[in-house]
Protein backbone atom coordinates (compact mmCIF):
# COMPACT_ATOMS: atom_id res chain seq x y z
CA MET A 1 13.31 8.54 24.54
CA ILE A 2 10.94 6.38 22.53
CA GLY A 3 9.15 3.52 24.30
CA PHE A 4 8.89 -0.06 23.07
CA PHE A 5 5.33 0.23 21.75
CA GLU A 6 6.01 3.56 20.08
CA HIS A 7 9.03 1.98 18.39
CA GLN A 8 6.91 -0.99 17.23
CA TYR A 9 4.25 1.32 15.80
CA LEU A 10 6.90 3.44 14.04
CA SER A 11 8.36 0.27 12.53
CA PHE A 12 4.89 -0.78 11.37
CA LYS A 13 4.34 2.60 9.64
CA LYS A 14 7.76 2.47 7.98
CA ASP A 15 7.16 -1.10 6.79
CA HIS A 16 3.83 0.01 5.36
CA LEU A 17 5.52 2.80 3.42
CA ARG A 18 8.38 0.52 2.29
CA ASN A 19 5.81 -1.79 0.68
CA LEU A 20 4.34 1.18 -1.18
CA ILE A 21 7.79 2.33 -2.30
CA ALA A 22 8.51 -1.15 -3.66
CA LEU A 23 5.30 -0.94 -5.70
CA ALA A 24 6.11 2.57 -6.92
CA LYS A 25 9.49 1.34 -8.15
CA ALA A 26 8.04 -1.87 -9.71
CA ASP A 27 8.02 -0.32 -13.18
CA GLY A 28 11.67 0.70 -12.81
CA HIS A 29 10.97 4.39 -12.25
CA LEU A 30 9.61 6.48 -9.38
CA HIS A 31 7.33 9.04 -11.02
CA ALA A 32 6.91 12.49 -9.44
CA GLU A 33 3.20 11.81 -8.83
CA GLU A 34 4.06 8.55 -7.08
CA GLU A 35 6.57 10.33 -4.88
CA LYS A 36 3.93 12.95 -3.96
CA MET A 37 1.52 10.14 -3.06
CA LEU A 38 4.20 8.49 -0.89
CA TYR A 39 4.65 11.74 1.04
CA LYS A 40 0.89 12.16 1.39
CA ILE A 41 0.44 8.63 2.74
CA GLY A 42 3.53 8.89 4.95
CA GLU A 43 2.23 12.11 6.47
CA LYS A 44 -1.17 10.46 7.02
CA TYR A 45 0.65 7.90 9.17
CA GLY A 46 2.54 10.58 11.09
CA LEU A 47 5.94 10.14 9.45
CA LYS A 48 8.12 13.21 9.06
CA ASP A 49 9.33 14.36 5.63
CA ARG A 50 12.91 13.41 6.47
CA GLN A 51 11.81 9.88 7.45
CA ILE A 52 9.87 9.51 4.20
CA ALA A 53 12.80 10.85 2.15
CA THR A 54 15.18 8.40 3.83
CA LEU A 55 12.87 5.48 3.04
CA ILE A 56 12.44 6.58 -0.59
CA GLY A 57 16.16 7.15 -1.06
CA SER A 58 17.21 3.87 0.49
CA GLU A 59 19.15 1.56 -1.80
CA LYS A 60 18.53 -1.35 0.55
CA GLU A 61 16.69 -4.31 -0.97
CA ALA A 62 13.04 -4.05 -0.01
CA THR A 63 11.85 -6.86 2.21
CA LEU A 64 8.08 -6.86 2.13
CA LYS A 65 6.36 -7.00 5.49
CA ILE A 66 2.88 -8.47 5.49
CA PRO A 67 0.46 -6.94 8.01
CA ASP A 68 -1.02 -9.21 10.67
CA THR A 69 -4.76 -8.50 10.73
CA HIS A 70 -7.40 -8.42 7.99
CA ASP A 71 -8.01 -4.73 8.69
CA GLN A 72 -4.29 -3.89 8.42
CA LYS A 73 -3.98 -5.91 5.21
CA MET A 74 -6.96 -4.14 3.68
CA ASN A 75 -5.58 -0.74 4.69
CA GLN A 76 -2.29 -1.68 3.01
CA LEU A 77 -4.24 -2.71 -0.11
CA TYR A 78 -6.11 0.61 -0.03
CA ASP A 79 -2.81 2.48 -0.17
CA LEU A 80 -1.35 0.07 -2.76
CA VAL A 81 -4.27 0.72 -5.11
CA GLN A 82 -3.86 4.47 -4.56
CA MET A 83 -0.22 4.04 -5.61
CA VAL A 84 -1.27 2.12 -8.73
CA TYR A 85 -3.35 5.15 -9.75
CA ALA A 86 -0.85 7.79 -8.51
CA ASP A 87 0.72 8.59 -11.89
CA GLY A 88 -2.58 8.29 -13.76
CA VAL A 89 -1.49 5.10 -15.52
CA VAL A 90 -2.31 1.60 -14.30
CA GLU A 91 0.91 -0.19 -15.28
CA LYS A 92 0.79 -3.94 -15.87
CA SER A 93 3.99 -4.30 -13.78
CA GLU A 94 2.28 -2.62 -10.82
CA VAL A 95 -0.79 -4.86 -11.10
CA VAL A 96 1.41 -7.97 -11.34
CA PHE A 97 3.43 -6.78 -8.32
CA CYS A 98 0.23 -6.46 -6.28
CA GLU A 99 -1.18 -9.77 -7.53
CA ASP A 100 2.06 -11.53 -6.60
CA LEU A 101 1.68 -10.28 -3.01
CA MET A 102 -1.83 -11.57 -2.54
CA ALA A 103 -0.99 -15.15 -1.56
CA GLN A 104 1.25 -13.72 1.18
CA PHE A 105 -1.64 -11.48 2.26
CA GLY A 106 -3.97 -14.50 2.32
CA PHE A 107 -6.06 -13.35 -0.65
CA LYS A 108 -6.78 -14.57 -4.16
CA LYS A 109 -4.98 -12.43 -6.75
CA GLU A 110 -8.33 -11.42 -8.30
CA ILE A 111 -8.85 -9.05 -5.39
CA ILE A 112 -6.52 -6.57 -7.10
CA SER A 113 -8.59 -6.11 -10.27
CA TRP A 114 -11.72 -6.00 -8.10
CA LEU A 115 -10.21 -3.22 -5.95
CA ILE A 116 -8.93 -1.31 -8.98
CA ASP A 117 -12.47 -1.39 -10.39
CA ASN A 118 -13.86 -0.21 -7.05
CA PHE A 119 -11.46 2.73 -6.98
CA SER A 120 -13.11 4.00 -10.18
CA LYS A 121 -10.20 5.60 -12.03
CA GLY A 122 -8.25 6.50 -8.90
CA ASN A 123 -11.09 7.88 -6.81
CA PRO A 124 -10.97 5.96 -3.54
CA PRO A 125 -14.24 4.80 -2.00
CA THR A 126 -15.76 6.72 0.90
CA PRO A 127 -14.88 5.48 4.40
CA GLU A 128 -18.33 3.87 4.69
CA ALA A 129 -17.97 2.15 1.32
CA TRP A 130 -14.45 1.04 2.27
CA ASP A 131 -15.73 -0.65 5.43
CA SER A 132 -18.24 -2.55 3.29
CA LEU A 133 -15.55 -3.48 0.74
CA LYS A 134 -13.26 -4.79 3.50
CA ALA A 135 -15.98 -7.12 4.72
CA GLU A 136 -16.81 -8.24 1.17
CA ALA A 137 -13.12 -8.86 0.40
CA GLY A 138 -12.85 -11.18 3.39
CA GLU A 139 -15.83 -13.19 2.16
CA LYS A 140 -15.01 -13.32 -1.56
CA TYR A 141 -11.22 -13.27 -1.82
CA ALA A 142 -9.75 -14.84 1.32
CA LEU A 143 -7.75 -18.01 0.72
């Protein structure tokens, strides 16, 4: 039996992945590379393949869930930018999707182009660099 806090954390991880799936489908098509990235990120968060497949295959309208803390929001943005680069093409629709979320995240939309630049053609920053970028984002791009 799963406890209350385990259930909450599982819901948080699924919500995180649902946001990424919504981005992946923003251009009207889920590319194979995007699907691979969704599985990679889902596994990083401890989700099982069947859970990830169920989330990807869901026809239910995606309701975006905004994380609570700055750290959680930045970690969501980290994964969102990875999804933007997943198929090797930065689609305008994906960038617009991310920019449209930023007010809900409490950030200026310019944070997206700044993060895309900092991911240098899809190569995510090192963990140390990411910690520095999170702090800088809070200073420069918070509403």
